[in-house]
Amino acid sequence: MAQSASAQVQSGEAERFSPLDRAFARARDEGRAVLVGYLPAGFPTVERGIAAMRAMVAAGVDVVEVGLPYSDPTMDGPVIQDAADAALRGGVTTRDVLRTVEAVAETGAPTLVMTYWNPVERYGLEAFAADLAAAGGAGAITPDLPPEEADRWLAACAAHGLDPVFLVAPSSTPERLRLVTGHSRGFVYAASTMGVTGARAEVGAKAGDLVARVREVTGLPVAVGLGVSNGAQASEVASFADGVIVGSALVRALDTDTATDTGAGQGGDPGLAAVTSLAAELAAGVRSASV
């Protein structure tokens, strides 16, 4: 009898599997998609951001994306831009981002950094890869780094056991899909729409077609992002994708009445309570999907 995916991961071949590989294998064994949650480091403060990310994991998020705030984003919509601006005004640094990764990775959830390339280049890409790995990071998503210009980054990731994750879009040609997926590890990030991030009333209609096209050229898991904002949408995407990525909706939840101390639960923090509630709703949606 063939071993289950998780049993294979736990066998003598385990060294071939990264934390992301194990997360997707466990979800496959459970007949569901992986839930990936994003929040920027340092928002609304470093410590409260860490608390929110750890709360997401406790509520059912499988993989965490820690955003590295950057002053000149090209993919982020207004919700994430505003949160990143607030974090930068608060003095967040790349060291704070790595400290956030370490604190979240302690939960056991694979923890990635989502970052534009300029901060990594400025930090030093070899040093960034080494420090990210030392913090327990599983890899990095680099939306503005094309794989054909990523040789040094790919080498650094390989040297430190990190998964480099690249993006595809509905406009990606078959040739482009082969190139991007050939350099990705862990999973492929499928942007469901042409445009910036942000919760939407409907998930991009082309998302299912994009996932199918990606699966024609790779065996890597495909996770869909840009637009998911509630449990029903998470269930919809989980019915055809290997992973569901949620960012703006969680950021908006964390921003819920952050200046007050009237929230119920979570130590009176309404933002943290809202993140916990939304993460639980999304996790239930992912687990209810028919796959």
C-alpha atoms as a PDB file:
ATOM      1  CA  MET A   1       0.000   0.000   0.000  1.00  0.00           C
ATOM      2  CA  ALA A   2       1.348   3.456  -0.914  1.00  0.00           C
ATOM      3  CA  GLN A   3       2.281   5.728   1.961  1.00  0.00           C
ATOM      4  CA  SER A   4       0.267   8.874   2.562  1.00  0.00           C
ATOM      5  CA  ALA A   5       1.930  12.178   1.719  1.00  0.00           C
ATOM      6  CA  SER A   6       2.575  12.990   5.369  1.00  0.00           C
ATOM      7  CA  ALA A   7       3.950   9.498   6.047  1.00  0.00           C
ATOM      8  CA  GLN A   8       6.407   9.934   3.200  1.00  0.00           C
ATOM      9  CA  VAL A   9       7.494  13.243   4.676  1.00  0.00           C
ATOM     10  CA  GLN A  10       8.089  11.581   8.045  1.00  0.00           C
ATOM     11  CA  SER A  11      10.081   8.713   6.502  1.00  0.00           C
ATOM     12  CA  GLY A  12      13.802   8.561   5.775  1.00  0.00           C
ATOM     13  CA  GLU A  13      13.218  10.953   2.857  1.00  0.00           C
ATOM     14  CA  ALA A  14      12.187  13.756   5.198  1.00  0.00           C
ATOM     15  CA  GLU A  15      15.346  15.727   4.474  1.00  0.00           C
ATOM     16  CA  ARG A  16      14.065  16.307   0.952  1.00  0.00           C
ATOM     17  CA  PHE A  17      10.985  18.102   2.249  1.00  0.00           C
ATOM     18  CA  SER A  18      10.889  21.694   3.389  1.00  0.00           C
ATOM     19  CA  PRO A  19       8.474  23.045   6.018  1.00  0.00           C
ATOM     20  CA  LEU A  20       6.229  24.205   3.178  1.00  0.00           C
ATOM     21  CA  ASP A  21       6.324  20.762   1.572  1.00  0.00           C
ATOM     22  CA  ARG A  22       5.237  19.242   4.881  1.00  0.00           C
ATOM     23  CA  ALA A  23       2.397  21.742   5.334  1.00  0.00           C
ATOM     24  CA  PHE A  24       0.964  21.037   1.896  1.00  0.00           C
ATOM     25  CA  ALA A  25       1.434  17.279   2.376  1.00  0.00           C
ATOM     26  CA  ARG A  26      -0.504  17.329   5.656  1.00  0.00           C
ATOM     27  CA  ALA A  27      -3.315  19.310   4.055  1.00  0.00           C
ATOM     28  CA  ARG A  28      -3.489  16.867   1.139  1.00  0.00           C
ATOM     29  CA  ASP A  29      -3.774  13.988   3.580  1.00  0.00           C
ATOM     30  CA  GLU A  30      -6.677  15.830   5.213  1.00  0.00           C
ATOM     31  CA  GLY A  31      -8.336  16.423   1.830  1.00  0.00           C
ATOM     32  CA  ARG A  32      -8.142  20.201   1.975  1.00  0.00           C
ATOM     33  CA  ALA A  33      -6.208  23.252   0.883  1.00  0.00           C
ATOM     34  CA  VAL A  34      -3.615  25.146   2.922  1.00  0.00           C
ATOM     35  CA  LEU A  35      -4.587  28.493   4.453  1.00  0.00           C
ATOM     36  CA  VAL A  36      -1.890  31.166   4.115  1.00  0.00           C
ATOM     37  CA  GLY A  37      -2.275  34.365   6.127  1.00  0.00           C
ATOM     38  CA  TYR A  38      -0.389  37.628   5.549  1.00  0.00           C
ATOM     39  CA  LEU A  39       0.294  40.578   7.843  1.00  0.00           C
ATOM     40  CA  PRO A  40       3.042  43.212   7.618  1.00  0.00           C
ATOM     41  CA  ALA A  41       5.642  43.223  10.390  1.00  0.00           C
ATOM     42  CA  GLY A  42       5.483  46.216  12.698  1.00  0.00           C
ATOM     43  CA  PHE A  43       1.765  46.885  12.281  1.00  0.00           C
ATOM     44  CA  PRO A  44       0.353  48.382  14.352  1.00  0.00           C
ATOM     45  CA  THR A  45       3.513  47.765  16.405  1.00  0.00           C
ATOM     46  CA  VAL A  46       6.091  45.012  16.243  1.00  0.00           C
ATOM     47  CA  GLU A  47       4.781  43.242  19.343  1.00  0.00           C
ATOM     48  CA  ARG A  48       1.108  43.525  18.419  1.00  0.00           C
ATOM     49  CA  GLY A  49       1.901  42.321  14.910  1.00  0.00           C
ATOM     50  CA  ILE A  50       3.616  39.265  16.359  1.00  0.00           C
ATOM     51  CA  ALA A  51       0.656  38.629  18.645  1.00  0.00           C
ATOM     52  CA  ALA A  52      -1.746  38.854  15.700  1.00  0.00           C
ATOM     53  CA  MET A  53       0.261  36.430  13.574  1.00  0.00           C
ATOM     54  CA  ARG A  54       0.525  33.926  16.397  1.00  0.00           C
ATOM     55  CA  ALA A  55      -3.229  34.285  16.964  1.00  0.00           C
ATOM     56  CA  MET A  56      -3.836  33.533  13.269  1.00  0.00           C
ATOM     57  CA  VAL A  57      -1.939  30.272  13.626  1.00  0.00           C
ATOM     58  CA  ALA A  58      -3.883  29.325  16.753  1.00  0.00           C
ATOM     59  CA  ALA A  59      -7.118  29.996  14.831  1.00  0.00           C
ATOM     60  CA  GLY A  60      -6.208  27.681  11.952  1.00  0.00           C
ATOM     61  CA  VAL A  61      -3.812  29.463   9.575  1.00  0.00           C
ATOM     62  CA  ASP A  62      -1.293  26.913   8.260  1.00  0.00           C
ATOM     63  CA  VAL A  63       1.379  29.170   6.756  1.00  0.00           C
ATOM     64  CA  VAL A  64       2.220  32.778   7.637  1.00  0.00           C
ATOM     65  CA  GLU A  65       3.532  35.468   5.305  1.00  0.00           C
ATOM     66  CA  VAL A  66       5.358  38.232   7.153  1.00  0.00           C
ATOM     67  CA  GLY A  67       5.365  41.376   5.060  1.00  0.00           C
ATOM     68  CA  LEU A  68       8.524  43.474   4.972  1.00  0.00           C
ATOM     69  CA  PRO A  69       7.233  47.078   4.878  1.00  0.00           C
ATOM     70  CA  TYR A  70       8.592  49.019   1.913  1.00  0.00           C
ATOM     71  CA  SER A  71       8.124  52.613   0.853  1.00  0.00           C
ATOM     72  CA  ASP A  72       7.619  51.970  -2.866  1.00  0.00           C
ATOM     73  CA  PRO A  73       5.389  48.913  -3.353  1.00  0.00           C
ATOM     74  CA  THR A  74       4.118  47.959  -6.790  1.00  0.00           C
ATOM     75  CA  MET A  75       1.719  45.122  -5.981  1.00  0.00           C
ATOM     76  CA  ASP A  76       0.093  46.214  -2.728  1.00  0.00           C
ATOM     77  CA  GLY A  77      -3.336  47.781  -2.637  1.00  0.00           C
ATOM     78  CA  PRO A  78      -4.313  50.680  -0.342  1.00  0.00           C
ATOM     79  CA  VAL A  79      -5.030  48.602   2.777  1.00  0.00           C
ATOM     80  CA  ILE A  80      -1.590  46.978   2.871  1.00  0.00           C
ATOM     81  CA  GLN A  81       0.124  50.175   1.701  1.00  0.00           C
ATOM     82  CA  ASP A  82      -1.403  52.132   4.585  1.00  0.00           C
ATOM     83  CA  ALA A  83      -0.387  49.459   7.105  1.00  0.00           C
ATOM     84  CA  ALA A  84       3.167  49.334   5.736  1.00  0.00           C
ATOM     85  CA  ASP A  85       3.384  53.139   5.851  1.00  0.00           C
ATOM     86  CA  ALA A  86       2.267  53.079   9.490  1.00  0.00           C
ATOM     87  CA  ALA A  87       4.885  50.451  10.304  1.00  0.00           C
ATOM     88  CA  LEU A  88       7.607  52.478   8.611  1.00  0.00           C
ATOM     89  CA  ARG A  89       6.553  55.631  10.451  1.00  0.00           C
ATOM     90  CA  GLY A  90       6.773  53.580  13.635  1.00  0.00           C
ATOM     91  CA  GLY A  91      10.409  52.810  12.857  1.00  0.00           C
ATOM     92  CA  VAL A  92      10.168  49.143  11.856  1.00  0.00           C
ATOM     93  CA  THR A  93      13.430  47.728  10.488  1.00  0.00           C
ATOM     94  CA  THR A  94      14.460  44.602   8.628  1.00  0.00           C
ATOM     95  CA  ARG A  95      15.810  43.301  11.930  1.00  0.00           C
ATOM     96  CA  ASP A  96      12.313  43.703  13.371  1.00  0.00           C
ATOM     97  CA  VAL A  97      10.951  41.714  10.438  1.00  0.00           C
ATOM     98  CA  LEU A  98      13.395  38.887  11.157  1.00  0.00           C
ATOM     99  CA  ARG A  99      12.497  39.020  14.855  1.00  0.00           C
ATOM    100  CA  THR A 100       8.853  38.714  13.849  1.00  0.00           C
ATOM    101  CA  VAL A 101       9.651  35.689  11.674  1.00  0.00           C
ATOM    102  CA  GLU A 102      11.434  34.038  14.581  1.00  0.00           C
ATOM    103  CA  ALA A 103       8.528  34.623  16.978  1.00  0.00           C
ATOM    104  CA  VAL A 104       5.954  33.297  14.521  1.00  0.00           C
ATOM    105  CA  ALA A 105       8.049  30.321  13.405  1.00  0.00           C
ATOM    106  CA  GLU A 106       8.186  29.240  17.047  1.00  0.00           C
ATOM    107  CA  THR A 107       4.514  28.242  16.664  1.00  0.00           C
ATOM    108  CA  GLY A 108       5.557  25.528  14.205  1.00  0.00           C
ATOM    109  CA  ALA A 109       3.818  27.187  11.246  1.00  0.00           C
ATOM    110  CA  PRO A 110       6.039  27.624   8.161  1.00  0.00           C
ATOM    111  CA  THR A 111       6.826  31.337   8.045  1.00  0.00           C
ATOM    112  CA  LEU A 112       7.761  33.211   4.872  1.00  0.00           C
ATOM    113  CA  VAL A 113       8.818  36.773   4.231  1.00  0.00           C
ATOM    114  CA  MET A 114       6.923  38.651   1.523  1.00  0.00           C
ATOM    115  CA  THR A 115       9.275  41.350   0.293  1.00  0.00           C
ATOM    116  CA  TYR A 116      10.159  43.581  -2.601  1.00  0.00           C
ATOM    117  CA  TRP A 117      13.689  43.147  -3.816  1.00  0.00           C
ATOM    118  CA  ASN A 118      15.228  46.509  -2.934  1.00  0.00           C
ATOM    119  CA  PRO A 119      15.285  45.923   0.870  1.00  0.00           C
ATOM    120  CA  VAL A 120      16.925  42.514   0.358  1.00  0.00           C
ATOM    121  CA  GLU A 121      19.547  43.977  -1.974  1.00  0.00           C
ATOM    122  CA  ARG A 122      20.261  46.761   0.489  1.00  0.00           C
ATOM    123  CA  TYR A 123      20.569  44.332   3.411  1.00  0.00           C
ATOM    124  CA  GLY A 124      22.770  42.028   1.350  1.00  0.00           C
ATOM    125  CA  LEU A 125      21.092  39.049  -0.242  1.00  0.00           C
ATOM    126  CA  GLU A 126      23.467  36.422   1.148  1.00  0.00           C
ATOM    127  CA  ALA A 127      23.200  37.948   4.630  1.00  0.00           C
ATOM    128  CA  PHE A 128      19.414  38.182   4.336  1.00  0.00           C
ATOM    129  CA  ALA A 129      19.117  34.525   3.335  1.00  0.00           C
ATOM    130  CA  ALA A 130      21.395  33.466   6.192  1.00  0.00           C
ATOM    131  CA  ASP A 131      19.579  35.573   8.777  1.00  0.00           C
ATOM    132  CA  LEU A 132      16.134  34.522   7.539  1.00  0.00           C
ATOM    133  CA  ALA A 133      17.120  30.873   7.838  1.00  0.00           C
ATOM    134  CA  ALA A 134      18.618  31.475  11.281  1.00  0.00           C
ATOM    135  CA  ALA A 135      15.305  33.016  12.370  1.00  0.00           C
ATOM    136  CA  GLY A 136      13.494  29.846  11.332  1.00  0.00           C
ATOM    137  CA  GLY A 137      12.088  31.254   8.095  1.00  0.00           C
ATOM    138  CA  ALA A 138      10.850  28.792   5.480  1.00  0.00           C
ATOM    139  CA  GLY A 139      11.452  30.991   2.440  1.00  0.00           C
ATOM    140  CA  ALA A 140      10.529  34.236   0.736  1.00  0.00           C
ATOM    141  CA  ILE A 141       8.050  35.541  -1.810  1.00  0.00           C
ATOM    142  CA  THR A 142       9.651  38.194  -4.046  1.00  0.00           C
ATOM    143  CA  PRO A 143       6.963  39.699  -6.312  1.00  0.00           C
ATOM    144  CA  ASP A 144       9.213  42.077  -8.234  1.00  0.00           C
ATOM    145  CA  LEU A 145      12.194  39.750  -8.740  1.00  0.00           C
ATOM    146  CA  PRO A 146      11.882  37.888 -12.056  1.00  0.00           C
ATOM    147  CA  PRO A 147      13.375  34.393 -11.936  1.00  0.00           C
ATOM    148  CA  GLU A 148      15.664  35.071 -14.881  1.00  0.00           C
ATOM    149  CA  GLU A 149      17.411  37.713 -12.747  1.00  0.00           C
ATOM    150  CA  ALA A 150      17.409  35.642  -9.554  1.00  0.00           C
ATOM    151  CA  ASP A 151      20.486  33.417  -9.942  1.00  0.00           C
ATOM    152  CA  ARG A 152      22.274  34.790  -6.882  1.00  0.00           C
ATOM    153  CA  TRP A 153      19.113  34.697  -4.795  1.00  0.00           C
ATOM    154  CA  LEU A 154      18.346  31.132  -5.865  1.00  0.00           C
ATOM    155  CA  ALA A 155      21.866  30.087  -4.930  1.00  0.00           C
ATOM    156  CA  ALA A 156      21.546  31.756  -1.516  1.00  0.00           C
ATOM    157  CA  CYS A 157      18.191  30.069  -0.914  1.00  0.00           C
ATOM    158  CA  ALA A 158      19.636  26.682  -1.833  1.00  0.00           C
ATOM    159  CA  ALA A 159      22.607  27.232   0.463  1.00  0.00           C
ATOM    160  CA  HIS A 160      20.379  28.041   3.436  1.00  0.00           C
ATOM    161  CA  GLY A 161      17.459  25.681   2.839  1.00  0.00           C
ATOM    162  CA  LEU A 162      14.937  28.371   1.917  1.00  0.00           C
ATOM    163  CA  ASP A 163      12.077  28.045  -0.570  1.00  0.00           C
ATOM    164  CA  PRO A 164      11.994  30.831  -3.206  1.00  0.00           C
ATOM    165  CA  VAL A 165       8.388  31.518  -4.243  1.00  0.00           C
ATOM    166  CA  PHE A 166       7.613  33.338  -7.493  1.00  0.00           C
ATOM    167  CA  LEU A 167       4.352  34.643  -8.915  1.00  0.00           C
ATOM    168  CA  VAL A 168       2.289  33.877 -12.002  1.00  0.00           C
ATOM    169  CA  ALA A 169      -0.687  35.823 -13.324  1.00  0.00           C
ATOM    170  CA  PRO A 170      -3.649  35.260 -15.666  1.00  0.00           C
ATOM    171  CA  SER A 171      -1.578  36.921 -18.414  1.00  0.00           C
ATOM    172  CA  SER A 172       1.341  34.471 -18.031  1.00  0.00           C
ATOM    173  CA  THR A 173       2.055  32.535 -21.218  1.00  0.00           C
ATOM    174  CA  PRO A 174       2.723  28.782 -21.144  1.00  0.00           C
ATOM    175  CA  GLU A 175       6.413  29.535 -21.633  1.00  0.00           C
ATOM    176  CA  ARG A 176       6.365  31.972 -18.734  1.00  0.00           C
ATOM    177  CA  LEU A 177       4.586  29.478 -16.515  1.00  0.00           C
ATOM    178  CA  ARG A 178       7.275  26.879 -17.210  1.00  0.00           C
ATOM    179  CA  LEU A 179      10.041  29.368 -16.428  1.00  0.00           C
ATOM    180  CA  VAL A 180       8.507  30.610 -13.172  1.00  0.00           C
ATOM    181  CA  THR A 181       7.482  27.210 -11.861  1.00  0.00           C
ATOM    182  CA  GLY A 182      10.848  25.769 -12.786  1.00  0.00           C
ATOM    183  CA  HIS A 183      12.519  28.125 -10.322  1.00  0.00           C
ATOM    184  CA  SER A 184       9.884  28.082  -7.551  1.00  0.00           C
ATOM    185  CA  ARG A 185      10.004  25.855  -4.500  1.00  0.00           C
ATOM    186  CA  GLY A 186       7.386  25.185  -1.831  1.00  0.00           C
ATOM    187  CA  PHE A 187       4.470  26.440  -3.918  1.00  0.00           C
ATOM    188  CA  VAL A 188       3.588  28.716  -6.812  1.00  0.00           C
ATOM    189  CA  TYR A 189       1.818  31.982  -5.991  1.00  0.00           C
ATOM    190  CA  ALA A 190      -1.044  32.475  -8.477  1.00  0.00           C
ATOM    191  CA  ALA A 191      -2.344  36.040  -8.571  1.00  0.00           C
ATOM    192  CA  SER A 192      -6.056  35.667  -9.248  1.00  0.00           C
ATOM    193  CA  THR A 193      -6.471  39.054 -10.909  1.00  0.00           C
ATOM    194  CA  MET A 194      -4.527  41.584 -12.903  1.00  0.00           C
ATOM    195  CA  GLY A 195      -4.008  44.402 -10.426  1.00  0.00           C
ATOM    196  CA  VAL A 196      -2.984  45.197  -6.876  1.00  0.00           C
ATOM    197  CA  THR A 197      -3.818  43.308  -3.703  1.00  0.00           C
ATOM    198  CA  GLY A 198      -7.082  43.898  -1.911  1.00  0.00           C
ATOM    199  CA  ALA A 199     -10.171  42.121  -0.628  1.00  0.00           C
ATOM    200  CA  ARG A 200     -12.855  41.908  -3.299  1.00  0.00           C
ATOM    201  CA  ALA A 201     -16.545  41.067  -3.446  1.00  0.00           C
ATOM    202  CA  GLU A 202     -15.720  38.270  -5.900  1.00  0.00           C
ATOM    203  CA  VAL A 203     -12.568  36.272  -6.512  1.00  0.00           C
ATOM    204  CA  GLY A 204     -11.136  36.699 -10.008  1.00  0.00           C
ATOM    205  CA  ALA A 205     -13.016  34.516 -12.488  1.00  0.00           C
ATOM    206  CA  LYS A 206      -9.753  33.535 -14.179  1.00  0.00           C
ATOM    207  CA  ALA A 207      -8.249  32.031 -11.017  1.00  0.00           C
ATOM    208  CA  GLY A 208      -9.479  28.510 -11.665  1.00  0.00           C
ATOM    209  CA  ASP A 209      -8.213  28.549 -15.233  1.00  0.00           C
ATOM    210  CA  LEU A 210      -4.829  29.853 -14.092  1.00  0.00           C
ATOM    211  CA  VAL A 211      -4.494  27.064 -11.515  1.00  0.00           C
ATOM    212  CA  ALA A 212      -5.312  24.486 -14.171  1.00  0.00           C
ATOM    213  CA  ARG A 213      -2.730  25.946 -16.546  1.00  0.00           C
ATOM    214  CA  VAL A 214      -0.054  25.973 -13.841  1.00  0.00           C
ATOM    215  CA  ARG A 215      -0.767  22.337 -13.026  1.00  0.00           C
ATOM    216  CA  GLU A 216      -0.102  21.436 -16.650  1.00  0.00           C
ATOM    217  CA  VAL A 217       3.556  22.431 -16.256  1.00  0.00           C
ATOM    218  CA  THR A 218       4.439  21.618 -12.625  1.00  0.00           C
ATOM    219  CA  GLY A 219       3.669  19.290  -9.757  1.00  0.00           C
ATOM    220  CA  LEU A 220       4.193  22.068  -7.213  1.00  0.00           C
ATOM    221  CA  PRO A 221       1.191  23.155  -5.137  1.00  0.00           C
ATOM    222  CA  VAL A 222      -0.594  26.238  -6.435  1.00  0.00           C
ATOM    223  CA  ALA A 223      -1.840  28.838  -3.946  1.00  0.00           C
ATOM    224  CA  VAL A 224      -4.204  31.610  -5.028  1.00  0.00           C
ATOM    225  CA  GLY A 225      -4.007  35.134  -3.649  1.00  0.00           C
ATOM    226  CA  LEU A 226      -5.438  38.619  -4.270  1.00  0.00           C
ATOM    227  CA  GLY A 227      -9.074  39.000  -3.364  1.00  0.00           C
ATOM    228  CA  VAL A 228     -10.128  36.440  -0.735  1.00  0.00           C
ATOM    229  CA  SER A 229     -11.864  38.167   2.158  1.00  0.00           C
ATOM    230  CA  ASN A 230     -14.251  35.728   3.861  1.00  0.00           C
ATOM    231  CA  GLY A 231     -14.929  32.089   4.585  1.00  0.00           C
ATOM    232  CA  ALA A 232     -17.199  31.566   1.581  1.00  0.00           C
ATOM    233  CA  GLN A 233     -14.545  32.848  -0.813  1.00  0.00           C
ATOM    234  CA  ALA A 234     -11.895  30.769   0.940  1.00  0.00           C
ATOM    235  CA  SER A 235     -14.060  27.683   0.424  1.00  0.00           C
ATOM    236  CA  GLU A 236     -14.561  28.575  -3.242  1.00  0.00           C
ATOM    237  CA  VAL A 237     -10.848  28.934  -3.927  1.00  0.00           C
ATOM    238  CA  ALA A 238      -9.993  25.866  -1.838  1.00  0.00           C
ATOM    239  CA  SER A 239     -12.217  23.787  -4.123  1.00  0.00           C
ATOM    240  CA  PHE A 240      -9.772  24.200  -7.024  1.00  0.00           C
ATOM    241  CA  ALA A 241      -6.441  25.373  -5.546  1.00  0.00           C
ATOM    242  CA  ASP A 242      -3.896  23.812  -3.198  1.00  0.00           C
ATOM    243  CA  GLY A 243      -3.646  26.946  -1.090  1.00  0.00           C
ATOM    244  CA  VAL A 244      -5.682  30.054  -0.255  1.00  0.00           C
ATOM    245  CA  ILE A 245      -3.763  33.260   0.486  1.00  0.00           C
ATOM    246  CA  VAL A 246      -5.438  36.055   2.480  1.00  0.00           C
ATOM    247  CA  GLY A 247      -3.814  39.407   3.192  1.00  0.00           C
ATOM    248  CA  SER A 248      -5.793  42.642   2.935  1.00  0.00           C
ATOM    249  CA  ALA A 249      -8.821  41.288   4.797  1.00  0.00           C
ATOM    250  CA  LEU A 250      -6.638  40.273   7.759  1.00  0.00           C
ATOM    251  CA  VAL A 251      -4.847  43.631   7.731  1.00  0.00           C
ATOM    252  CA  ARG A 252      -8.194  45.426   7.739  1.00  0.00           C
ATOM    253  CA  ALA A 253      -9.371  43.250  10.628  1.00  0.00           C
ATOM    254  CA  LEU A 254      -6.262  44.047  12.668  1.00  0.00           C
ATOM    255  CA  ASP A 255      -6.891  47.738  12.039  1.00  0.00           C
ATOM    256  CA  THR A 256     -10.315  47.429  13.694  1.00  0.00           C
ATOM    257  CA  ASP A 257     -10.599  50.218  16.264  1.00  0.00           C
ATOM    258  CA  THR A 258      -6.942  49.811  17.203  1.00  0.00           C
ATOM    259  CA  ALA A 259      -6.905  53.051  19.170  1.00  0.00           C
ATOM    260  CA  THR A 260      -9.478  51.845  21.724  1.00  0.00           C
ATOM    261  CA  ASP A 261      -9.406  49.285  24.495  1.00  0.00           C
ATOM    262  CA  THR A 262     -13.036  48.227  24.299  1.00  0.00           C
ATOM    263  CA  GLY A 263     -12.705  44.939  22.400  1.00  0.00           C
ATOM    264  CA  ALA A 264     -13.918  41.776  23.998  1.00  0.00           C
ATOM    265  CA  GLY A 265     -11.377  39.039  24.571  1.00  0.00           C
ATOM    266  CA  GLN A 266      -7.753  39.008  23.439  1.00  0.00           C
ATOM    267  CA  GLY A 267      -6.824  41.177  26.395  1.00  0.00           C
ATOM    268  CA  GLY A 268      -9.284  43.874  25.331  1.00  0.00           C
ATOM    269  CA  ASP A 269      -7.628  44.312  21.907  1.00  0.00           C
ATOM    270  CA  PRO A 270     -10.421  44.607  19.306  1.00  0.00           C
ATOM    271  CA  GLY A 271      -8.024  44.291  16.372  1.00  0.00           C
ATOM    272  CA  LEU A 272      -6.550  41.069  17.694  1.00  0.00           C
ATOM    273  CA  ALA A 273     -10.034  39.721  18.399  1.00  0.00           C
ATOM    274  CA  ALA A 274     -11.105  40.587  14.850  1.00  0.00           C
ATOM    275  CA  VAL A 275      -8.065  38.881  13.316  1.00  0.00           C
ATOM    276  CA  THR A 276      -8.693  35.764  15.387  1.00  0.00           C
ATOM    277  CA  SER A 277     -12.348  35.661  14.358  1.00  0.00           C
ATOM    278  CA  LEU A 278     -11.605  36.157  10.654  1.00  0.00           C
ATOM    279  CA  ALA A 279      -8.786  33.602  10.662  1.00  0.00           C
ATOM    280  CA  ALA A 280     -11.123  31.043  12.241  1.00  0.00           C
ATOM    281  CA  GLU A 281     -13.789  31.804   9.618  1.00  0.00           C
ATOM    282  CA  LEU A 282     -11.266  31.411   6.797  1.00  0.00           C
ATOM    283  CA  ALA A 283      -9.919  28.181   8.286  1.00  0.00           C
ATOM    284  CA  ALA A 284     -13.437  26.776   8.507  1.00  0.00           C
ATOM    285  CA  GLY A 285     -14.068  27.788   4.890  1.00  0.00           C
ATOM    286  CA  VAL A 286     -10.931  26.054   3.672  1.00  0.00           C
ATOM    287  CA  ARG A 287     -11.820  22.904   5.578  1.00  0.00           C
ATOM    288  CA  SER A 288     -15.416  22.859   4.291  1.00  0.00           C
ATOM    289  CA  ALA A 289     -14.498  22.981   0.593  1.00  0.00           C
ATOM    290  CA  SER A 290     -15.329  20.098  -1.697  1.00  0.00           C
ATOM    291  CA  VAL A 291     -12.108  19.094  -3.452  1.00  0.00           C
END
